[in-house]
Amino acid sequence: MGKKRTRRMTDQLRRAIDDSGLTRYRIAKETGIDESALAKFYNGHRGLSMEALDALGECLQLTIVLGRPPGKKGK
């Protein structure tokens, strides 16, 4: 996944965290994601595992879909 695309997804997740009304501490507790790992992800210093992304999506009531935008061909 390219950096620009990764950044867009990260930005969308960051907005969802902000819009959720939940604290990052609460999200960490509900998802089982280490609080420092969530903070580093939120601040753009690291990524999250697929398992953590799934838990985050469930907590925030999001469906996270991986794939290429329509019309884009794989390399």
PDB file of N, CA and C in Angstrom:
ATOM      1  N   MET A   1       0.853  -1.163   0.000  1.00  0.00           N
ATOM      2  CA  MET A   1       0.000   0.000   0.000  1.00  0.00           C
ATOM      3  C   MET A   1       0.900   1.227   0.000  1.00  0.00           C
ATOM      4  N   GLY A   2       0.631   2.205  -0.870  1.00  0.00           N
ATOM      5  CA  GLY A   2       1.455   3.395  -0.955  1.00  0.00           C
ATOM      6  C   GLY A   2       1.295   4.288   0.256  1.00  0.00           C
ATOM      7  N   LYS A   3       2.328   5.145   0.452  1.00  0.00           N
ATOM      8  CA  LYS A   3       2.292   6.031   1.620  1.00  0.00           C
ATOM      9  C   LYS A   3       1.111   6.995   1.575  1.00  0.00           C
ATOM     10  N   LYS A   4       0.814   7.556   0.377  1.00  0.00           N
ATOM     11  CA  LYS A   4      -0.300   8.496   0.272  1.00  0.00           C
ATOM     12  C   LYS A   4      -1.612   7.808   0.642  1.00  0.00           C
ATOM     13  N   ARG A   5      -1.801   6.608   0.141  1.00  0.00           N
ATOM     14  CA  ARG A   5      -3.029   5.866   0.429  1.00  0.00           C
ATOM     15  C   ARG A   5      -3.098   5.488   1.907  1.00  0.00           C
ATOM     16  N   THR A   6      -1.974   5.053   2.455  1.00  0.00           N
ATOM     17  CA  THR A   6      -1.925   4.714   3.877  1.00  0.00           C
ATOM     18  C   THR A   6      -2.261   5.940   4.710  1.00  0.00           C
ATOM     19  N   ARG A   7      -1.719   7.082   4.328  1.00  0.00           N
ATOM     20  CA  ARG A   7      -1.972   8.315   5.063  1.00  0.00           C
ATOM     21  C   ARG A   7      -3.458   8.660   5.026  1.00  0.00           C
ATOM     22  N   ARG A   8      -4.096   8.483   3.862  1.00  0.00           N
ATOM     23  CA  ARG A   8      -5.534   8.772   3.775  1.00  0.00           C
ATOM     24  C   ARG A   8      -6.322   7.894   4.732  1.00  0.00           C
ATOM     25  N   MET A   9      -5.999   6.607   4.768  1.00  0.00           N
ATOM     26  CA  MET A   9      -6.707   5.694   5.659  1.00  0.00           C
ATOM     27  C   MET A   9      -6.445   6.082   7.114  1.00  0.00           C
ATOM     28  N   THR A  10      -5.206   6.396   7.434  1.00  0.00           N
ATOM     29  CA  THR A  10      -4.858   6.813   8.789  1.00  0.00           C
ATOM     30  C   THR A  10      -5.609   8.083   9.166  1.00  0.00           C
ATOM     31  N   ASP A  11      -5.671   9.038   8.240  1.00  0.00           N
ATOM     32  CA  ASP A  11      -6.404  10.282   8.506  1.00  0.00           C
ATOM     33  C   ASP A  11      -7.885  10.006   8.744  1.00  0.00           C
ATOM     34  N   GLN A  12      -8.465   9.102   7.967  1.00  0.00           N
ATOM     35  CA  GLN A  12      -9.877   8.764   8.153  1.00  0.00           C
ATOM     36  C   GLN A  12     -10.108   8.103   9.510  1.00  0.00           C
ATOM     37  N   LEU A  13      -9.206   7.222   9.900  1.00  0.00           N
ATOM     38  CA  LEU A  13      -9.336   6.568  11.208  1.00  0.00           C
ATOM     39  C   LEU A  13      -9.140   7.570  12.338  1.00  0.00           C
ATOM     40  N   ARG A  14      -8.207   8.486  12.167  1.00  0.00           N
ATOM     41  CA  ARG A  14      -7.979   9.519  13.183  1.00  0.00           C
ATOM     42  C   ARG A  14      -9.245  10.370  13.348  1.00  0.00           C
ATOM     43  N   ARG A  15      -9.860  10.748  12.232  1.00  0.00           N
ATOM     44  CA  ARG A  15     -11.110  11.527  12.308  1.00  0.00           C
ATOM     45  C   ARG A  15     -12.214  10.725  12.991  1.00  0.00           C
ATOM     46  N   ALA A  16     -12.289   9.436  12.678  1.00  0.00           N
ATOM     47  CA  ALA A  16     -13.310   8.584  13.304  1.00  0.00           C
ATOM     48  C   ALA A  16     -13.090   8.496  14.810  1.00  0.00           C
ATOM     49  N   ILE A  17     -11.835   8.415  15.230  1.00  0.00           N
ATOM     50  CA  ILE A  17     -11.516   8.402  16.665  1.00  0.00           C
ATOM     51  C   ILE A  17     -11.978   9.714  17.295  1.00  0.00           C
ATOM     52  N   ASP A  18     -11.632  10.832  16.651  1.00  0.00           N
ATOM     53  CA  ASP A  18     -12.026  12.141  17.173  1.00  0.00           C
ATOM     54  C   ASP A  18     -13.547  12.293  17.234  1.00  0.00           C
ATOM     55  N   ASP A  19     -14.230  11.827  16.188  1.00  0.00           N
ATOM     56  CA  ASP A  19     -15.684  11.983  16.100  1.00  0.00           C
ATOM     57  C   ASP A  19     -16.456  11.018  17.000  1.00  0.00           C
ATOM     58  N   SER A  20     -15.779   9.998  17.503  1.00  0.00           N
ATOM     59  CA  SER A  20     -16.466   8.966  18.288  1.00  0.00           C
ATOM     60  C   SER A  20     -16.949   9.458  19.644  1.00  0.00           C
ATOM     61  N   GLY A  21     -16.302  10.491  20.154  1.00  0.00           N
ATOM     62  CA  GLY A  21     -16.644  10.961  21.492  1.00  0.00           C
ATOM     63  C   GLY A  21     -15.996  10.135  22.591  1.00  0.00           C
ATOM     64  N   LEU A  22     -15.232   9.115  22.198  1.00  0.00           N
ATOM     65  CA  LEU A  22     -14.528   8.268  23.165  1.00  0.00           C
ATOM     66  C   LEU A  22     -13.101   8.763  23.336  1.00  0.00           C
ATOM     67  N   THR A  23     -12.577   8.593  24.530  1.00  0.00           N
ATOM     68  CA  THR A  23     -11.167   8.920  24.729  1.00  0.00           C
ATOM     69  C   THR A  23     -10.312   7.803  24.134  1.00  0.00           C
ATOM     70  N   ARG A  24      -9.078   8.125  23.810  1.00  0.00           N
ATOM     71  CA  ARG A  24      -8.177   7.089  23.303  1.00  0.00           C
ATOM     72  C   ARG A  24      -7.937   6.037  24.379  1.00  0.00           C
ATOM     73  N   TYR A  25      -7.954   6.433  25.639  1.00  0.00           N
ATOM     74  CA  TYR A  25      -7.815   5.473  26.739  1.00  0.00           C
ATOM     75  C   TYR A  25      -8.967   4.471  26.689  1.00  0.00           C
ATOM     76  N   ARG A  26     -10.186   4.973  26.524  1.00  0.00           N
ATOM     77  CA  ARG A  26     -11.373   4.103  26.472  1.00  0.00           C
ATOM     78  C   ARG A  26     -11.325   3.180  25.254  1.00  0.00           C
ATOM     79  N   ILE A  27     -10.930   3.733  24.114  1.00  0.00           N
ATOM     80  CA  ILE A  27     -10.816   2.926  22.897  1.00  0.00           C
ATOM     81  C   ILE A  27      -9.783   1.827  23.103  1.00  0.00           C
ATOM     82  N   ALA A  28      -8.656   2.169  23.706  1.00  0.00           N
ATOM     83  CA  ALA A  28      -7.610   1.171  23.966  1.00  0.00           C
ATOM     84  C   ALA A  28      -8.152   0.057  24.856  1.00  0.00           C
ATOM     85  N   LYS A  29      -8.872   0.414  25.897  1.00  0.00           N
ATOM     86  CA  LYS A  29      -9.421  -0.592  26.808  1.00  0.00           C
ATOM     87  C   LYS A  29     -10.457  -1.474  26.114  1.00  0.00           C
ATOM     88  N   GLU A  30     -11.324  -0.873  25.311  1.00  0.00           N
ATOM     89  CA  GLU A  30     -12.383  -1.637  24.641  1.00  0.00           C
ATOM     90  C   GLU A  30     -11.850  -2.539  23.529  1.00  0.00           C
ATOM     91  N   THR A  31     -10.744  -2.136  22.903  1.00  0.00           N
ATOM     92  CA  THR A  31     -10.214  -2.904  21.771  1.00  0.00           C
ATOM     93  C   THR A  31      -9.106  -3.866  22.160  1.00  0.00           C
ATOM     94  N   GLY A  32      -8.495  -3.641  23.321  1.00  0.00           N
ATOM     95  CA  GLY A  32      -7.344  -4.455  23.704  1.00  0.00           C
ATOM     96  C   GLY A  32      -6.051  -3.983  23.067  1.00  0.00           C
ATOM     97  N   ILE A  33      -6.106  -2.858  22.363  1.00  0.00           N
ATOM     98  CA  ILE A  33      -4.896  -2.272  21.772  1.00  0.00           C
ATOM     99  C   ILE A  33      -4.152  -1.549  22.886  1.00  0.00           C
ATOM    100  N   ASP A  34      -2.855  -1.789  22.981  1.00  0.00           N
ATOM    101  CA  ASP A  34      -2.041  -1.112  23.979  1.00  0.00           C
ATOM    102  C   ASP A  34      -2.205   0.402  23.815  1.00  0.00           C
ATOM    103  N   GLU A  35      -2.400   1.102  24.914  1.00  0.00           N
ATOM    104  CA  GLU A  35      -2.649   2.542  24.865  1.00  0.00           C
ATOM    105  C   GLU A  35      -1.515   3.300  24.174  1.00  0.00           C
ATOM    106  N   SER A  36      -0.270   2.913  24.442  1.00  0.00           N
ATOM    107  CA  SER A  36       0.854   3.609  23.801  1.00  0.00           C
ATOM    108  C   SER A  36       0.906   3.299  22.306  1.00  0.00           C
ATOM    109  N   ALA A  37       0.530   2.083  21.911  1.00  0.00           N
ATOM    110  CA  ALA A  37       0.489   1.728  20.487  1.00  0.00           C
ATOM    111  C   ALA A  37      -0.588   2.546  19.773  1.00  0.00           C
ATOM    112  N   LEU A  38      -1.742   2.714  20.415  1.00  0.00           N
ATOM    113  CA  LEU A  38      -2.810   3.514  19.827  1.00  0.00           C
ATOM    114  C   LEU A  38      -2.378   4.975  19.710  1.00  0.00           C
ATOM    115  N   ALA A  39      -1.707   5.494  20.725  1.00  0.00           N
ATOM    116  CA  ALA A  39      -1.222   6.876  20.679  1.00  0.00           C
ATOM    117  C   ALA A  39      -0.202   7.056  19.556  1.00  0.00           C
ATOM    118  N   LYS A  40       0.700   6.091  19.400  1.00  0.00           N
ATOM    119  CA  LYS A  40       1.699   6.179  18.327  1.00  0.00           C
ATOM    120  C   LYS A  40       1.036   6.107  16.961  1.00  0.00           C
ATOM    121  N   PHE A  41       0.022   5.262  16.812  1.00  0.00           N
ATOM    122  CA  PHE A  41      -0.732   5.198  15.560  1.00  0.00           C
ATOM    123  C   PHE A  41      -1.428   6.529  15.307  1.00  0.00           C
ATOM    124  N   TYR A  42      -2.111   7.040  16.312  1.00  0.00           N
ATOM    125  CA  TYR A  42      -2.859   8.290  16.186  1.00  0.00           C
ATOM    126  C   TYR A  42      -1.940   9.442  15.781  1.00  0.00           C
ATOM    127  N   ASN A  43      -0.732   9.443  16.319  1.00  0.00           N
ATOM    128  CA  ASN A  43       0.233  10.508  16.030  1.00  0.00           C
ATOM    129  C   ASN A  43       1.071  10.242  14.784  1.00  0.00           C
ATOM    130  N   GLY A  44       0.796   9.147  14.088  1.00  0.00           N
ATOM    131  CA  GLY A  44       1.474   8.866  12.825  1.00  0.00           C
ATOM    132  C   GLY A  44       2.851   8.260  12.948  1.00  0.00           C
ATOM    133  N   HIS A  45       3.178   7.702  14.113  1.00  0.00           N
ATOM    134  CA  HIS A  45       4.513   7.146  14.332  1.00  0.00           C
ATOM    135  C   HIS A  45       4.607   5.648  14.098  1.00  0.00           C
ATOM    136  N   ARG A  46       3.466   4.982  13.927  1.00  0.00           N
ATOM    137  CA  ARG A  46       3.485   3.537  13.665  1.00  0.00           C
ATOM    138  C   ARG A  46       2.143   3.103  13.089  1.00  0.00           C
ATOM    139  N   GLY A  47       2.126   1.903  12.565  1.00  0.00           N
ATOM    140  CA  GLY A  47       0.889   1.340  12.040  1.00  0.00           C
ATOM    141  C   GLY A  47       0.266   0.410  13.065  1.00  0.00           C
ATOM    142  N   LEU A  48      -0.824  -0.230  12.663  1.00  0.00           N
ATOM    143  CA  LEU A  48      -1.496  -1.208  13.510  1.00  0.00           C
ATOM    144  C   LEU A  48      -1.604  -2.520  12.750  1.00  0.00           C
ATOM    145  N   SER A  49      -1.656  -3.600  13.481  1.00  0.00           N
ATOM    146  CA  SER A  49      -1.842  -4.918  12.867  1.00  0.00           C
ATOM    147  C   SER A  49      -3.265  -5.014  12.315  1.00  0.00           C
ATOM    148  N   MET A  50      -3.483  -5.995  11.452  1.00  0.00           N
ATOM    149  CA  MET A  50      -4.827  -6.217  10.917  1.00  0.00           C
ATOM    150  C   MET A  50      -5.805  -6.539  12.051  1.00  0.00           C
ATOM    151  N   GLU A  51      -5.341  -7.287  13.028  1.00  0.00           N
ATOM    152  CA  GLU A  51      -6.185  -7.626  14.182  1.00  0.00           C
ATOM    153  C   GLU A  51      -6.591  -6.363  14.941  1.00  0.00           C
ATOM    154  N   ALA A  52      -5.627  -5.459  15.147  1.00  0.00           N
ATOM    155  CA  ALA A  52      -5.916  -4.211  15.850  1.00  0.00           C
ATOM    156  C   ALA A  52      -6.842  -3.321  15.022  1.00  0.00           C
ATOM    157  N   LEU A  53      -6.627  -3.266  13.703  1.00  0.00           N
ATOM    158  CA  LEU A  53      -7.510  -2.484  12.831  1.00  0.00           C
ATOM    159  C   LEU A  53      -8.938  -3.018  12.886  1.00  0.00           C
ATOM    160  N   ASP A  54      -9.067  -4.329  12.906  1.00  0.00           N
ATOM    161  CA  ASP A  54     -10.389  -4.952  12.993  1.00  0.00           C
ATOM    162  C   ASP A  54     -11.074  -4.571  14.306  1.00  0.00           C
ATOM    163  N   ALA A  55     -10.333  -4.636  15.405  1.00  0.00           N
ATOM    164  CA  ALA A  55     -10.888  -4.280  16.717  1.00  0.00           C
ATOM    165  C   ALA A  55     -11.261  -2.798  16.763  1.00  0.00           C
ATOM    166  N   LEU A  56     -10.421  -1.955  16.171  1.00  0.00           N
ATOM    167  CA  LEU A  56     -10.694  -0.519  16.136  1.00  0.00           C
ATOM    168  C   LEU A  56     -11.957  -0.241  15.318  1.00  0.00           C
ATOM    169  N   GLY A  57     -12.063  -0.896  14.172  1.00  0.00           N
ATOM    170  CA  GLY A  57     -13.254  -0.735  13.345  1.00  0.00           C
ATOM    171  C   GLY A  57     -14.519  -1.158  14.074  1.00  0.00           C
ATOM    172  N   GLU A  58     -14.445  -2.274  14.786  1.00  0.00           N
ATOM    173  CA  GLU A  58     -15.608  -2.752  15.541  1.00  0.00           C
ATOM    174  C   GLU A  58     -15.984  -1.765  16.641  1.00  0.00           C
ATOM    175  N   CYS A  59     -15.002  -1.262  17.355  1.00  0.00           N
ATOM    176  CA  CYS A  59     -15.249  -0.311  18.442  1.00  0.00           C
ATOM    177  C   CYS A  59     -15.888   0.980  17.918  1.00  0.00           C
ATOM    178  N   LEU A  60     -15.408   1.442  16.761  1.00  0.00           N
ATOM    179  CA  LEU A  60     -15.896   2.702  16.194  1.00  0.00           C
ATOM    180  C   LEU A  60     -17.080   2.498  15.248  1.00  0.00           C
ATOM    181  N   GLN A  61     -17.533   1.246  15.143  1.00  0.00           N
ATOM    182  CA  GLN A  61     -18.643   0.876  14.260  1.00  0.00           C
ATOM    183  C   GLN A  61     -18.348   1.256  12.811  1.00  0.00           C
ATOM    184  N   LEU A  62     -17.143   0.869  12.366  1.00  0.00           N
ATOM    185  CA  LEU A  62     -16.694   1.110  10.996  1.00  0.00           C
ATOM    186  C   LEU A  62     -16.482  -0.216  10.298  1.00  0.00           C
ATOM    187  N   THR A  63     -16.641  -0.202   8.999  1.00  0.00           N
ATOM    188  CA  THR A  63     -16.247  -1.332   8.183  1.00  0.00           C
ATOM    189  C   THR A  63     -14.990  -0.910   7.446  1.00  0.00           C
ATOM    190  N   ILE A  64     -13.896  -1.592   7.695  1.00  0.00           N
ATOM    191  CA  ILE A  64     -12.628  -1.261   7.052  1.00  0.00           C
ATOM    192  C   ILE A  64     -12.459  -2.195   5.866  1.00  0.00           C
ATOM    193  N   VAL A  65     -12.375  -1.597   4.686  1.00  0.00           N
ATOM    194  CA  VAL A  65     -12.270  -2.365   3.450  1.00  0.00           C
ATOM    195  C   VAL A  65     -10.926  -2.071   2.811  1.00  0.00           C
ATOM    196  N   LEU A  66     -10.182  -3.131   2.552  1.00  0.00           N
ATOM    197  CA  LEU A  66      -8.906  -2.977   1.867  1.00  0.00           C
ATOM    198  C   LEU A  66      -9.102  -3.315   0.402  1.00  0.00           C
ATOM    199  N   GLY A  67      -8.525  -2.533  -0.445  1.00  0.00           N
ATOM    200  CA  GLY A  67      -8.636  -2.786  -1.877  1.00  0.00           C
ATOM    201  C   GLY A  67      -8.208  -1.567  -2.655  1.00  0.00           C
ATOM    202  N   ARG A  68      -8.163  -1.729  -3.945  1.00  0.00           N
ATOM    203  CA  ARG A  68      -7.789  -0.627  -4.819  1.00  0.00           C
ATOM    204  C   ARG A  68      -9.041   0.143  -5.219  1.00  0.00           C
ATOM    205  N   PRO A  69      -8.890   1.456  -5.402  1.00  0.00           N
ATOM    206  CA  PRO A  69     -10.027   2.228  -5.894  1.00  0.00           C
ATOM    207  C   PRO A  69     -10.446   1.727  -7.275  1.00  0.00           C
ATOM    208  N   PRO A  70     -11.716   1.862  -7.629  1.00  0.00           N
ATOM    209  CA  PRO A  70     -12.165   1.422  -8.954  1.00  0.00           C
ATOM    210  C   PRO A  70     -11.323   2.063 -10.055  1.00  0.00           C
ATOM    211  N   GLY A  71     -11.006   1.276 -11.057  1.00  0.00           N
ATOM    212  CA  GLY A  71     -10.234   1.784 -12.184  1.00  0.00           C
ATOM    213  C   GLY A  71      -8.736   1.677 -12.019  1.00  0.00           C
ATOM    214  N   LYS A  72      -8.263   1.335 -10.843  1.00  0.00           N
ATOM    215  CA  LYS A  72      -6.824   1.181 -10.603  1.00  0.00           C
ATOM    216  C   LYS A  72      -6.443  -0.263 -10.841  1.00  0.00           C
ATOM    217  N   LYS A  73      -5.385  -0.469 -11.581  1.00  0.00           N
ATOM    218  CA  LYS A  73      -4.917  -1.833 -11.846  1.00  0.00           C
ATOM    219  C   LYS A  73      -3.721  -2.130 -10.963  1.00  0.00           C
ATOM    220  N   GLY A  74      -3.630  -3.363 -10.520  1.00  0.00           N
ATOM    221  CA  GLY A  74      -2.507  -3.794  -9.688  1.00  0.00           C
ATOM    222  C   GLY A  74      -1.221  -3.829 -10.473  1.00  0.00           C
ATOM    223  N   LYS A  75      -0.125  -3.812  -9.745  1.00  0.00           N
ATOM    224  CA  LYS A  75       1.196  -3.859 -10.380  1.00  0.00           C
ATOM    225  C   LYS A  75       1.712  -5.260 -10.394  1.00  0.00           C
TER     226      LYS A  75
END
